[in-house]
């Protein structure tokens, strides 16, 4: 039975970068890896209302930089920066180095796969029909410029006795095309019938990588398959 590779790991080093960027000695690697996991868990748990889609961590010899991608950066910052100061104090209990927190706003949450997945899961927890939530998410994504979107929900849908999976798709989502910019998100809905898994794939277009000056690369985005659209 064929299995699908993770869209990010399939494109690492080509059009995708690692979410954790650091080097460590063998004796320190496990400790630093667990530290990264604790940082991500703490941020996701305490900033559930901030629509956090991705957390990047960069480490230098005496400094740790955390980049939080959020659809609602104002919730993280708080009034006069009170919330981000509280977050920084909490993270100092995990990280014993100089800490820098940067926040990047997600301009279009409707085409961010992680936020779409979490939104669908949240709606199902509020007893909204899964088909209605999926179709609404697809409509919003296509309206906001996505080239294609696929959503898959699996579990005891609508309280059925036997678990099953249903998926909806619109547009193009070429998972095996490396230069296709595929955004992927996963979330879980905790319902009275059990867990329902939600997976979202969104195609944002095609990324052209042009090599310039030796090992450096210039990344340029263009609309996916634009030249092959009918009527052009």
Foldseek 3Di string as FASTA:
>chain_A
DDDADDLQVLQDPPPHDDLEDDDDDPVCVVVVVVLVVVLVVVCCVVPVVFAWQGWGWYDDPFEIEIETETQHVCSCQDDVRPNVVVSVVVSCVSDVGHYHYHYHHDPQLLQAAASLQVVLLVVVQVVDASVVSQVVSQVSNVVVQFQKKKKKKWACHPNNPDIDMDMDMDGDQPSPPNQFDKHKHWDWHQHPSGIMIMIMIITRAGWDWDDDDPPDIDIDGDHHCVVVDPPD
